[in-house]
PDB file of N, CA and C in Angstrom:
ATOM      1  N   MET A   1      99.914 119.315  99.639  1.00  0.00           N
ATOM      2  CA  MET A   1     100.917 118.831 100.574  1.00  0.00           C
ATOM      3  C   MET A   1     101.508 120.049 101.283  1.00  0.00           C
ATOM      4  N   ASP A   2     101.521 119.993 102.600  1.00  0.00           N
ATOM      5  CA  ASP A   2     102.087 121.090 103.376  1.00  0.00           C
ATOM      6  C   ASP A   2     103.600 120.905 103.517  1.00  0.00           C
ATOM      7  N   ILE A   3     104.240 121.845 104.164  1.00  0.00           N
ATOM      8  CA  ILE A   3     105.699 121.833 104.264  1.00  0.00           C
ATOM      9  C   ILE A   3     106.194 120.636 105.081  1.00  0.00           C
ATOM     10  N   THR A   4     105.444 120.249 106.099  1.00  0.00           N
ATOM     11  CA  THR A   4     105.839 119.096 106.906  1.00  0.00           C
ATOM     12  C   THR A   4     105.800 117.816 106.081  1.00  0.00           C
ATOM     13  N   GLY A   5     104.746 117.629 105.297  1.00  0.00           N
ATOM     14  CA  GLY A   5     104.637 116.461 104.438  1.00  0.00           C
ATOM     15  C   GLY A   5     105.748 116.416 103.411  1.00  0.00           C
ATOM     16  N   LEU A   6     106.093 117.583 102.868  1.00  0.00           N
ATOM     17  CA  LEU A   6     107.173 117.656 101.889  1.00  0.00           C
ATOM     18  C   LEU A   6     108.515 117.283 102.519  1.00  0.00           C
ATOM     19  N   LEU A   7     108.766 117.776 103.711  1.00  0.00           N
ATOM     20  CA  LEU A   7     110.026 117.448 104.400  1.00  0.00           C
ATOM     21  C   LEU A   7     110.108 115.961 104.738  1.00  0.00           C
ATOM     22  N   ILE A   8     108.985 115.374 105.149  1.00  0.00           N
ATOM     23  CA  ILE A   8     108.967 113.933 105.439  1.00  0.00           C
ATOM     24  C   ILE A   8     109.207 113.141 104.163  1.00  0.00           C
ATOM     25  N   PHE A   9     108.581 113.556 103.058  1.00  0.00           N
ATOM     26  CA  PHE A   9     108.779 112.907 101.768  1.00  0.00           C
ATOM     27  C   PHE A   9     110.241 112.957 101.353  1.00  0.00           C
ATOM     28  N   LEU A  10     110.871 114.112 101.500  1.00  0.00           N
ATOM     29  CA  LEU A  10     112.285 114.261 101.143  1.00  0.00           C
ATOM     30  C   LEU A  10     113.186 113.435 102.054  1.00  0.00           C
ATOM     31  N   ALA A  11     112.863 113.380 103.348  1.00  0.00           N
ATOM     32  CA  ALA A  11     113.673 112.596 104.291  1.00  0.00           C
ATOM     33  C   ALA A  11     113.574 111.103 103.986  1.00  0.00           C
ATOM     34  N   ILE A  12     112.364 110.628 103.699  1.00  0.00           N
ATOM     35  CA  ILE A  12     112.186 109.211 103.356  1.00  0.00           C
ATOM     36  C   ILE A  12     112.914 108.903 102.050  1.00  0.00           C
ATOM     37  N   GLY A  13     112.817 109.796 101.081  1.00  0.00           N
ATOM     38  CA  GLY A  13     113.523 109.600  99.815  1.00  0.00           C
ATOM     39  C   GLY A  13     115.021 109.581  99.989  1.00  0.00           C
ATOM     40  N   ALA A  14     115.537 110.458 100.836  1.00  0.00           N
ATOM     41  CA  ALA A  14     116.983 110.493 101.085  1.00  0.00           C
ATOM     42  C   ALA A  14     117.442 109.206 101.757  1.00  0.00           C
ATOM     43  N   LEU A  15     116.683 108.730 102.727  1.00  0.00           N
ATOM     44  CA  LEU A  15     117.027 107.473 103.398  1.00  0.00           C
ATOM     45  C   LEU A  15     116.954 106.302 102.414  1.00  0.00           C
ATOM     46  N   ALA A  16     115.926 106.292 101.595  1.00  0.00           N
ATOM     47  CA  ALA A  16     115.774 105.221 100.605  1.00  0.00           C
ATOM     48  C   ALA A  16     116.917 105.244  99.593  1.00  0.00           C
ATOM     49  N   GLY A  17     117.335 106.421  99.164  1.00  0.00           N
ATOM     50  CA  GLY A  17     118.451 106.531  98.231  1.00  0.00           C
ATOM     51  C   GLY A  17     119.740 106.019  98.826  1.00  0.00           C
ATOM     52  N   TRP A  18     119.958 106.330 100.092  1.00  0.00           N
ATOM     53  CA  TRP A  18     121.155 105.844 100.768  1.00  0.00           C
ATOM     54  C   TRP A  18     121.110 104.324 100.883  1.00  0.00           C
ATOM     55  N   LEU A  19     119.959 103.773 101.279  1.00  0.00           N
ATOM     56  CA  LEU A  19     119.811 102.319 101.383  1.00  0.00           C
ATOM     57  C   LEU A  19     120.006 101.646 100.029  1.00  0.00           C
ATOM     58  N   ALA A  20     119.415 102.216  98.992  1.00  0.00           N
ATOM     59  CA  ALA A  20     119.537 101.641  97.647  1.00  0.00           C
ATOM     60  C   ALA A  20     120.982 101.682  97.177  1.00  0.00           C
ATOM     61  N   GLY A  21     121.680 102.769  97.438  1.00  0.00           N
ATOM     62  CA  GLY A  21     123.088 102.866  97.069  1.00  0.00           C
ATOM     63  C   GLY A  21     123.936 101.850  97.801  1.00  0.00           C
ATOM     64  N   THR A  22     123.572 101.550  99.048  1.00  0.00           N
ATOM     65  CA  THR A  22     124.278 100.545  99.820  1.00  0.00           C
ATOM     66  C   THR A  22     123.980  99.145  99.284  1.00  0.00           C
ATOM     67  N   LEU A  23     122.724  98.892  98.929  1.00  0.00           N
ATOM     68  CA  LEU A  23     122.339  97.584  98.411  1.00  0.00           C
ATOM     69  C   LEU A  23     122.907  97.318  97.027  1.00  0.00           C
ATOM     70  N   MET A  24     122.948  98.340  96.191  1.00  0.00           N
ATOM     71  CA  MET A  24     123.420  98.204  94.813  1.00  0.00           C
ATOM     72  C   MET A  24     124.890  98.612  94.747  1.00  0.00           C
ATOM     73  N   LYS A  25     125.746  97.776  95.240  1.00  0.00           N
ATOM     74  CA  LYS A  25     127.175  98.102  95.272  1.00  0.00           C
ATOM     75  C   LYS A  25     127.678  98.383  93.859  1.00  0.00           C
ATOM     76  N   GLY A  26     128.347  99.488  93.699  1.00  0.00           N
ATOM     77  CA  GLY A  26     128.850  99.881  92.393  1.00  0.00           C
ATOM     78  C   GLY A  26     127.812 100.572  91.532  1.00  0.00           C
ATOM     79  N   GLY A  27     126.588 100.669  92.009  1.00  0.00           N
ATOM     80  CA  GLY A  27     125.535 101.292  91.213  1.00  0.00           C
ATOM     81  C   GLY A  27     125.136 102.644  91.724  1.00  0.00           C
ATOM     82  N   GLY A  28     125.877 103.166  92.688  1.00  0.00           N
ATOM     83  CA  GLY A  28     125.496 104.421  93.307  1.00  0.00           C
ATOM     84  C   GLY A  28     126.106 105.637  92.643  1.00  0.00           C
ATOM     85  N   PHE A  29     125.667 106.790  93.106  1.00  0.00           N
ATOM     86  CA  PHE A  29     126.136 108.076  92.571  1.00  0.00           C
ATOM     87  C   PHE A  29     126.703 108.946  93.674  1.00  0.00           C
ATOM     88  N   GLY A  30     127.158 108.354  94.750  1.00  0.00           N
ATOM     89  CA  GLY A  30     127.619 109.132  95.884  1.00  0.00           C
ATOM     90  C   GLY A  30     126.444 109.482  96.784  1.00  0.00           C
ATOM     91  N   LEU A  31     126.736 110.045  97.925  1.00  0.00           N
ATOM     92  CA  LEU A  31     125.699 110.298  98.924  1.00  0.00           C
ATOM     93  C   LEU A  31     124.609 111.230  98.411  1.00  0.00           C
ATOM     94  N   LEU A  32     124.982 112.374  97.887  1.00  0.00           N
ATOM     95  CA  LEU A  32     123.981 113.345  97.430  1.00  0.00           C
ATOM     96  C   LEU A  32     123.223 112.830  96.216  1.00  0.00           C
ATOM     97  N   GLY A  33     123.923 112.212  95.292  1.00  0.00           N
ATOM     98  CA  GLY A  33     123.261 111.656  94.110  1.00  0.00           C
ATOM     99  C   GLY A  33     122.289 110.554  94.472  1.00  0.00           C
ATOM    100  N   ASN A  34     122.670 109.703  95.426  1.00  0.00           N
ATOM    101  CA  ASN A  34     121.774 108.636  95.859  1.00  0.00           C
ATOM    102  C   ASN A  34     120.537 109.202  96.558  1.00  0.00           C
ATOM    103  N   MET A  35     120.685 110.305  97.244  1.00  0.00           N
ATOM    104  CA  MET A  35     119.528 110.937  97.880  1.00  0.00           C
ATOM    105  C   MET A  35     118.544 111.431  96.828  1.00  0.00           C
ATOM    106  N   VAL A  36     119.060 112.023  95.774  1.00  0.00           N
ATOM    107  CA  VAL A  36     118.191 112.473  94.677  1.00  0.00           C
ATOM    108  C   VAL A  36     117.521 111.276  94.017  1.00  0.00           C
ATOM    109  N   VAL A  37     118.293 110.208  93.801  1.00  0.00           N
ATOM    110  CA  VAL A  37     117.732 108.984  93.229  1.00  0.00           C
ATOM    111  C   VAL A  37     116.650 108.429  94.156  1.00  0.00           C
ATOM    112  N   GLY A  38     116.852 108.523  95.453  1.00  0.00           N
ATOM    113  CA  GLY A  38     115.861 108.041  96.412  1.00  0.00           C
ATOM    114  C   GLY A  38     114.552 108.811  96.347  1.00  0.00           C
ATOM    115  N   VAL A  39     114.645 110.115  96.192  1.00  0.00           N
ATOM    116  CA  VAL A  39     113.436 110.925  96.084  1.00  0.00           C
ATOM    117  C   VAL A  39     112.678 110.571  94.806  1.00  0.00           C
ATOM    118  N   ILE A  40     113.394 110.448  93.700  1.00  0.00           N
ATOM    119  CA  ILE A  40     112.752 110.046  92.442  1.00  0.00           C
ATOM    120  C   ILE A  40     112.283 108.591  92.547  1.00  0.00           C
ATOM    121  N   GLY A  41     113.079 107.759  93.191  1.00  0.00           N
ATOM    122  CA  GLY A  41     112.722 106.355  93.371  1.00  0.00           C
ATOM    123  C   GLY A  41     111.481 106.157  94.214  1.00  0.00           C
ATOM    124  N   SER A  42     111.216 107.065  95.137  1.00  0.00           N
ATOM    125  CA  SER A  42     110.001 106.926  95.934  1.00  0.00           C
ATOM    126  C   SER A  42     108.758 107.089  95.071  1.00  0.00           C
ATOM    127  N   VAL A  43     108.851 107.933  94.058  1.00  0.00           N
ATOM    128  CA  VAL A  43     107.744 108.068  93.110  1.00  0.00           C
ATOM    129  C   VAL A  43     107.642 106.801  92.255  1.00  0.00           C
ATOM    130  N   VAL A  44     108.793 106.311  91.781  1.00  0.00           N
ATOM    131  CA  VAL A  44     108.814 105.077  90.984  1.00  0.00           C
ATOM    132  C   VAL A  44     108.273 103.911  91.807  1.00  0.00           C
ATOM    133  N   GLY A  45     108.699 103.793  93.053  1.00  0.00           N
ATOM    134  CA  GLY A  45     108.219 102.723  93.924  1.00  0.00           C
ATOM    135  C   GLY A  45     106.720 102.793  94.143  1.00  0.00           C
ATOM    136  N   GLY A  46     106.201 104.000  94.302  1.00  0.00           N
ATOM    137  CA  GLY A  46     104.756 104.160  94.445  1.00  0.00           C
ATOM    138  C   GLY A  46     104.013 103.693  93.207  1.00  0.00           C
ATOM    139  N   LEU A  47     104.573 103.994  92.034  1.00  0.00           N
ATOM    140  CA  LEU A  47     103.948 103.543  90.786  1.00  0.00           C
ATOM    141  C   LEU A  47     104.010 102.028  90.642  1.00  0.00           C
ATOM    142  N   VAL A  48     105.184 101.444  90.938  1.00  0.00           N
ATOM    143  CA  VAL A  48     105.356  99.998  90.812  1.00  0.00           C
ATOM    144  C   VAL A  48     104.416  99.267  91.779  1.00  0.00           C
ATOM    145  N   PHE A  49     104.402  99.698  93.025  1.00  0.00           N
ATOM    146  CA  PHE A  49     103.545  99.038  94.004  1.00  0.00           C
ATOM    147  C   PHE A  49     102.070  99.254  93.658  1.00  0.00           C
ATOM    148  N   GLY A  50     101.733 100.420  93.111  1.00  0.00           N
ATOM    149  CA  GLY A  50     100.361 100.672  92.689  1.00  0.00           C
ATOM    150  C   GLY A  50      99.936  99.759  91.553  1.00  0.00           C
ATOM    151  N   LEU A  51     100.831  99.530  90.601  1.00  0.00           N
ATOM    152  CA  LEU A  51     100.525  98.617  89.496  1.00  0.00           C
ATOM    153  C   LEU A  51     100.347  97.183  89.979  1.00  0.00           C
ATOM    154  N   LEU A  52     101.055  96.830  91.051  1.00  0.00           N
ATOM    155  CA  LEU A  52     100.929  95.486  91.614  1.00  0.00           C
ATOM    156  C   LEU A  52      99.738  95.368  92.566  1.00  0.00           C
ATOM    157  N   GLY A  53      99.044  96.462  92.797  1.00  0.00           N
ATOM    158  CA  GLY A  53      97.899  96.445  93.695  1.00  0.00           C
ATOM    159  C   GLY A  53      98.278  96.493  95.164  1.00  0.00           C
ATOM    160  N   LEU A  54      99.493  96.898  95.457  1.00  0.00           N
ATOM    161  CA  LEU A  54      99.973  96.996  96.835  1.00  0.00           C
ATOM    162  C   LEU A  54     100.010  98.454  97.257  1.00  0.00           C
ATOM    163  N   SER A  55      99.930  98.682  98.550  1.00  0.00           N
ATOM    164  CA  SER A  55     100.042 100.053  99.038  1.00  0.00           C
ATOM    165  C   SER A  55     100.902 100.070 100.295  1.00  0.00           C
ATOM    166  N   ALA A  56     101.621 101.143 100.463  1.00  0.00           N
ATOM    167  CA  ALA A  56     102.477 101.304 101.639  1.00  0.00           C
ATOM    168  C   ALA A  56     101.667 101.954 102.746  1.00  0.00           C
ATOM    169  N   SER A  57     101.739 101.372 103.922  1.00  0.00           N
ATOM    170  CA  SER A  57     101.064 101.980 105.059  1.00  0.00           C
ATOM    171  C   SER A  57     102.086 102.190 106.168  1.00  0.00           C
ATOM    172  N   GLY A  58     102.109 103.353 106.699  1.00  0.00           N
ATOM    173  CA  GLY A  58     103.023 103.666 107.780  1.00  0.00           C
ATOM    174  C   GLY A  58     104.401 104.062 107.296  1.00  0.00           C
ATOM    175  N   LEU A  59     105.233 104.390 108.241  1.00  0.00           N
ATOM    176  CA  LEU A  59     106.579 104.863 107.937  1.00  0.00           C
ATOM    177  C   LEU A  59     107.449 103.768 107.326  1.00  0.00           C
ATOM    178  N   ILE A  60     107.418 102.579 107.910  1.00  0.00           N
ATOM    179  CA  ILE A  60     108.250 101.483 107.404  1.00  0.00           C
ATOM    180  C   ILE A  60     107.826 101.100 105.990  1.00  0.00           C
ATOM    181  N   GLY A  61     106.531 101.028 105.750  1.00  0.00           N
ATOM    182  CA  GLY A  61     106.037 100.706 104.406  1.00  0.00           C
ATOM    183  C   GLY A  61     106.462 101.740 103.389  1.00  0.00           C
ATOM    184  N   SER A  62     106.462 103.002 103.779  1.00  0.00           N
ATOM    185  CA  SER A  62     106.900 104.067 102.877  1.00  0.00           C
ATOM    186  C   SER A  62     108.383 103.954 102.573  1.00  0.00           C
ATOM    187  N   ILE A  63     109.175 103.623 103.579  1.00  0.00           N
ATOM    188  CA  ILE A  63     110.615 103.470 103.377  1.00  0.00           C
ATOM    189  C   ILE A  63     110.895 102.279 102.464  1.00  0.00           C
ATOM    190  N   VAL A  64     110.185 101.178 102.674  1.00  0.00           N
ATOM    191  CA  VAL A  64     110.375  99.991 101.829  1.00  0.00           C
ATOM    192  C   VAL A  64     109.987 100.310 100.387  1.00  0.00           C
ATOM    193  N   THR A  65     108.846 100.961 100.201  1.00  0.00           N
ATOM    194  CA  THR A  65     108.397 101.322  98.857  1.00  0.00           C
ATOM    195  C   THR A  65     109.402 102.226  98.160  1.00  0.00           C
ATOM    196  N   ALA A  66     109.874 103.243  98.868  1.00  0.00           N
ATOM    197  CA  ALA A  66     110.837 104.175  98.283  1.00  0.00           C
ATOM    198  C   ALA A  66     112.159 103.481  97.980  1.00  0.00           C
ATOM    199  N   THR A  67     112.592 102.575  98.849  1.00  0.00           N
ATOM    200  CA  THR A  67     113.845 101.869  98.628  1.00  0.00           C
ATOM    201  C   THR A  67     113.753 100.946  97.417  1.00  0.00           C
ATOM    202  N   VAL A  68     112.646 100.226  97.298  1.00  0.00           N
ATOM    203  CA  VAL A  68     112.450  99.358  96.130  1.00  0.00           C
ATOM    204  C   VAL A  68     112.458 100.193  94.860  1.00  0.00           C
ATOM    205  N   GLY A  69     111.774 101.326  94.878  1.00  0.00           N
ATOM    206  CA  GLY A  69     111.768 102.202  93.705  1.00  0.00           C
ATOM    207  C   GLY A  69     113.144 102.731  93.372  1.00  0.00           C
ATOM    208  N   ALA A  70     113.920 103.088  94.391  1.00  0.00           N
ATOM    209  CA  ALA A  70     115.268 103.600  94.162  1.00  0.00           C
ATOM    210  C   ALA A  70     116.192 102.503  93.626  1.00  0.00           C
ATOM    211  N   VAL A  71     116.035 101.268  94.123  1.00  0.00           N
ATOM    212  CA  VAL A  71     116.838 100.152  93.616  1.00  0.00           C
ATOM    213  C   VAL A  71     116.505  99.907  92.152  1.00  0.00           C
ATOM    214  N   VAL A  72     115.221  99.914  91.821  1.00  0.00           N
ATOM    215  CA  VAL A  72     114.812  99.725  90.425  1.00  0.00           C
ATOM    216  C   VAL A  72     115.393 100.837  89.562  1.00  0.00           C
ATOM    217  N   LEU A  73     115.314 102.064  90.039  1.00  0.00           N
ATOM    218  CA  LEU A  73     115.841 103.196  89.283  1.00  0.00           C
ATOM    219  C   LEU A  73     117.354 103.084  89.099  1.00  0.00           C
ATOM    220  N   LEU A  74     118.081 102.725  90.150  1.00  0.00           N
ATOM    221  CA  LEU A  74     119.533 102.548  90.028  1.00  0.00           C
ATOM    222  C   LEU A  74     119.877 101.421  89.069  1.00  0.00           C
ATOM    223  N   TRP A  75     119.098 100.354  89.086  1.00  0.00           N
ATOM    224  CA  TRP A  75     119.323  99.233  88.183  1.00  0.00           C
ATOM    225  C   TRP A  75     119.135  99.661  86.731  1.00  0.00           C
ATOM    226  N   VAL A  76     118.046 100.395  86.453  1.00  0.00           N
ATOM    227  CA  VAL A  76     117.780 100.856  85.085  1.00  0.00           C
ATOM    228  C   VAL A  76     118.860 101.833  84.633  1.00  0.00           C
ATOM    229  N   VAL A  77     119.233 102.760  85.502  1.00  0.00           N
ATOM    230  CA  VAL A  77     120.282 103.719  85.146  1.00  0.00           C
ATOM    231  C   VAL A  77     121.606 103.004  84.925  1.00  0.00           C
ATOM    232  N   GLY A  78     121.894 101.970  85.716  1.00  0.00           N
ATOM    233  CA  GLY A  78     123.108 101.181  85.517  1.00  0.00           C
ATOM    234  C   GLY A  78     123.116 100.479  84.173  1.00  0.00           C
ATOM    235  N   LEU A  79     121.968  99.980  83.743  1.00  0.00           N
ATOM    236  CA  LEU A  79     121.869  99.356  82.423  1.00  0.00           C
ATOM    237  C   LEU A  79     122.131 100.365  81.314  1.00  0.00           C
ATOM    238  N   ILE A  80     121.601 101.547  81.490  1.00  0.00           N
ATOM    239  CA  ILE A  80     121.770 102.595  80.460  1.00  0.00           C
ATOM    240  C   ILE A  80     123.222 103.058  80.423  1.00  0.00           C
ATOM    241  N   ARG A  81     123.845 103.202  81.592  1.00  0.00           N
ATOM    242  CA  ARG A  81     125.238 103.659  81.647  1.00  0.00           C
ATOM    243  C   ARG A  81     126.203 102.659  81.036  1.00  0.00           C
ATOM    244  N   LYS A  82     125.891 101.366  81.113  1.00  0.00           N
ATOM    245  CA  LYS A  82     126.779 100.336  80.575  1.00  0.00           C
ATOM    246  C   LYS A  82     126.722 100.263  79.054  1.00  0.00           C
ATOM    247  N   SER A  83     125.586 100.643  78.488  1.00  0.00           N
ATOM    248  CA  SER A  83     125.469 100.535  77.032  1.00  0.00           C
ATOM    249  C   SER A  83     125.908 101.774  76.307  1.00  0.00           C
TER     250      SER A  83
END
């Protein structure tokens, strides 16, 4: 992965983290924390969609995949924080 691909990956992850934090009211970690969750969530989303036999194509598909992964990650972390 070249530097441009890495920057695009980080930007999509940051956007996904922000979207996930907005969708999961009360489940966020603030702007910077949600961006980190989004970057990690994009990997989780890729794994989840891969297990389901789905693939993201294009920019919108990548954002949706990363956002779903970030929402799942925030949900799991919220469960752990409550217990």
